[in-house]
C-alpha atoms as a PDB file:
ATOM      1  CA  MET A   1    -139.123  15.950 156.483  1.00  0.00           C
ATOM      2  CA  VAL A   2    -137.069  14.976 153.407  1.00  0.00           C
ATOM      3  CA  VAL A   3    -138.739  12.511 151.091  1.00  0.00           C
ATOM      4  CA  GLU A   4    -136.433  10.814 148.526  1.00  0.00           C
ATOM      5  CA  THR A   5    -137.044   8.243 145.803  1.00  0.00           C
ATOM      6  CA  VAL A   6    -134.098   5.972 145.086  1.00  0.00           C
ATOM      7  CA  LYS A   7    -133.580   2.602 143.388  1.00  0.00           C
ATOM      8  CA  LEU A   8    -132.980  -0.395 145.646  1.00  0.00           C
ATOM      9  CA  SER A   9    -129.643  -0.756 143.918  1.00  0.00           C
ATOM     10  CA  GLU A  10    -128.439   2.499 145.398  1.00  0.00           C
ATOM     11  CA  ILE A  11    -129.434   1.406 148.941  1.00  0.00           C
ATOM     12  CA  VAL A  12    -127.795  -1.928 148.457  1.00  0.00           C
ATOM     13  CA  MET A  13    -124.516  -0.440 147.131  1.00  0.00           C
ATOM     14  CA  ARG A  14    -124.347   2.060 149.914  1.00  0.00           C
ATOM     15  CA  LEU A  15    -125.191  -0.050 152.900  1.00  0.00           C
ATOM     16  CA  THR A  16    -124.978  -3.726 151.994  1.00  0.00           C
ATOM     17  CA  PRO A  17    -122.906  -4.115 148.867  1.00  0.00           C
ATOM     18  CA  GLU A  18    -122.130  -7.788 149.635  1.00  0.00           C
ATOM     19  CA  LEU A  19    -125.811  -8.618 148.847  1.00  0.00           C
ATOM     20  CA  TYR A  20    -125.774  -7.037 145.384  1.00  0.00           C
ATOM     21  CA  PRO A  21    -124.891 -10.267 143.490  1.00  0.00           C
ATOM     22  CA  PHE A  22    -127.777 -12.096 145.158  1.00  0.00           C
ATOM     23  CA  LEU A  23    -130.584  -9.764 143.976  1.00  0.00           C
ATOM     24  CA  LYS A  24    -132.317  -9.973 140.609  1.00  0.00           C
ATOM     25  CA  GLN A  25    -132.105  -7.071 138.203  1.00  0.00           C
ATOM     26  CA  ASN A  26    -135.931  -6.300 138.613  1.00  0.00           C
ATOM     27  CA  GLU A  27    -135.446  -6.170 142.453  1.00  0.00           C
ATOM     28  CA  LEU A  28    -132.520  -3.814 142.130  1.00  0.00           C
ATOM     29  CA  GLU A  29    -134.566  -1.512 139.774  1.00  0.00           C
ATOM     30  CA  SER A  30    -137.357  -1.164 142.344  1.00  0.00           C
ATOM     31  CA  GLU A  31    -138.063   2.376 143.395  1.00  0.00           C
ATOM     32  CA  ILE A  32    -138.100   2.957 147.094  1.00  0.00           C
ATOM     33  CA  VAL A  33    -139.511   6.083 148.744  1.00  0.00           C
ATOM     34  CA  LEU A  34    -137.584   7.048 151.844  1.00  0.00           C
ATOM     35  CA  ARG A  35    -139.286   9.285 154.331  1.00  0.00           C
ATOM     36  CA  ASN A  36    -135.991  10.809 155.677  1.00  0.00           C
ATOM     37  CA  GLY A  37    -133.767  10.282 152.726  1.00  0.00           C
ATOM     38  CA  ILE A  38    -130.994   7.898 152.047  1.00  0.00           C
ATOM     39  CA  ASP A  39    -128.564   9.563 154.435  1.00  0.00           C
ATOM     40  CA  ALA A  40    -130.813   8.601 157.387  1.00  0.00           C
ATOM     41  CA  LEU A  41    -130.688   4.836 156.567  1.00  0.00           C
ATOM     42  CA  GLU A  42    -128.697   2.302 158.579  1.00  0.00           C
ATOM     43  CA  ALA A  43    -127.689  -1.216 157.656  1.00  0.00           C
ATOM     44  CA  GLU A  44    -130.653  -2.772 159.525  1.00  0.00           C
ATOM     45  CA  ASP A  45    -133.007  -0.427 157.654  1.00  0.00           C
ATOM     46  CA  ALA A  46    -131.537  -1.535 154.351  1.00  0.00           C
ATOM     47  CA  MET A  47    -131.930  -5.199 155.258  1.00  0.00           C
ATOM     48  CA  GLU A  48    -135.623  -4.713 156.109  1.00  0.00           C
ATOM     49  CA  ILE A  49    -136.230  -2.845 152.831  1.00  0.00           C
ATOM     50  CA  ILE A  50    -134.412  -5.520 150.902  1.00  0.00           C
ATOM     51  CA  GLN A  51    -136.456  -8.282 152.561  1.00  0.00           C
ATOM     52  CA  TYR A  52    -139.673  -6.537 151.748  1.00  0.00           C
ATOM     53  CA  SER A  53    -138.675  -5.894 148.182  1.00  0.00           C
ATOM     54  CA  ILE A  54    -137.796  -9.570 147.595  1.00  0.00           C
ATOM     55  CA  SER A  55    -141.056 -10.552 149.237  1.00  0.00           C
ATOM     56  CA  GLU A  56    -143.142  -8.189 146.929  1.00  0.00           C
ATOM     57  CA  HIS A  57    -141.368  -9.486 143.788  1.00  0.00           C
ATOM     58  CA  GLN A  58    -142.022 -13.073 144.764  1.00  0.00           C
ATOM     59  CA  LYS A  59    -145.740 -12.292 145.221  1.00  0.00           C
ATOM     60  CA  HIS A  60    -145.934 -10.910 141.722  1.00  0.00           C
ATOM     61  CA  ALA A  61    -144.098 -13.935 140.373  1.00  0.00           C
ATOM     62  CA  TYR A  62    -146.815 -16.215 141.681  1.00  0.00           C
ATOM     63  CA  LEU A  63    -149.542 -14.113 140.213  1.00  0.00           C
ATOM     64  CA  HIS A  64    -148.323 -14.648 136.592  1.00  0.00           C
END
């Protein structure tokens, strides 16, 4: 099993570049650990990761 850590921006640019302008810089800088590496991702996987990342950043915004 290949484990790879990448920034969300890399996932977005590779699989869903049309979403890049809609994400905040801190979201794009998020580090994502991929169990099977970035080459194993598909567009629907990227969407799930992006949604989760946005959700996590929103949670932290409410805590401040």
